[in-house]
């Protein structure tokens, strides 16, 4: 999975949100920690362990 591209799309507002399954959460978090614009991205945990990430500048 190309998490760099997904993070770019989130930060640029091309994606409103992106849901990460629980089994991929650690790998995605690792990519997010190394991402230069991570301050513009936040996440919400859902029941079941999935996390929905979104651009904080475009959040409702």
Protein backbone atom coordinates (compact mmCIF):
# COMPACT_ATOMS: atom_id res chain seq x y z
CA UNK A 1 0.00 0.00 0.00
CA UNK A 2 1.31 3.46 -0.91
CA UNK A 3 0.63 5.30 2.34
CA UNK A 4 2.77 8.26 1.23
CA UNK A 5 0.36 8.93 -1.63
CA UNK A 6 -2.66 8.57 0.66
CA UNK A 7 -1.12 10.96 3.20
CA UNK A 8 -0.39 13.48 0.43
CA UNK A 9 -4.00 13.24 -0.75
CA UNK A 10 -5.30 13.77 2.78
CA UNK A 11 -2.99 16.72 3.44
CA UNK A 12 -3.87 18.31 0.08
CA UNK A 13 -7.61 17.84 0.60
CA UNK A 14 -7.97 15.47 -2.35
CA UNK A 15 -9.31 12.83 0.06
CA UNK A 16 -11.83 13.89 2.69
CA UNK A 17 -11.01 10.86 4.83
CA UNK A 18 -9.30 7.49 4.74
CA UNK A 19 -10.23 4.48 6.87
CA UNK A 20 -7.49 2.15 8.03
CA UNK A 21 -8.38 -1.37 9.11
CA UNK A 22 -7.15 -2.49 12.52
CA UNK A 23 -4.74 -4.99 10.97
CA UNK A 24 -2.98 -2.17 9.03
CA UNK A 25 -3.10 0.49 11.75
CA UNK A 26 0.47 0.03 13.00
CA UNK A 27 1.94 0.22 9.50
CA UNK A 28 -0.09 3.33 8.67
CA UNK A 29 0.89 4.99 11.97
CA UNK A 30 4.54 4.35 11.17
CA UNK A 31 4.14 6.13 7.81
CA UNK A 32 2.23 8.98 9.46
CA UNK A 33 4.94 9.53 12.10
CA UNK A 34 7.51 9.98 9.32
CA UNK A 35 5.25 12.22 7.23
CA UNK A 36 6.35 15.86 7.05
CA UNK A 37 2.87 17.39 7.14
CA UNK A 38 1.38 15.10 9.80
CA UNK A 39 0.07 18.06 11.84
CA UNK A 40 -2.64 18.54 9.23
CA UNK A 41 -3.93 14.96 9.65
CA UNK A 42 -5.83 13.52 12.58
CA UNK A 43 -7.66 10.28 13.25
CA UNK A 44 -10.77 8.98 15.00
CA UNK A 45 -10.98 5.46 16.34
CA UNK A 46 -14.08 3.46 15.49
CA UNK A 47 -15.44 0.47 17.32
CA UNK A 48 -13.76 -2.67 16.05
CA UNK A 49 -10.33 -1.06 15.85
CA UNK A 50 -10.53 0.78 12.53
CA UNK A 51 -9.30 4.38 12.43
CA UNK A 52 -10.62 7.13 10.15
CA UNK A 53 -7.99 9.72 9.26
CA UNK A 54 -8.93 13.15 7.93
CA UNK A 55 -7.51 16.58 7.12
CA UNK A 56 -8.00 18.77 10.19
CA UNK A 57 -8.29 21.85 8.00
CA UNK A 58 -11.27 20.34 6.18
CA UNK A 59 -12.99 18.67 9.13
CA UNK A 60 -16.69 19.36 9.62
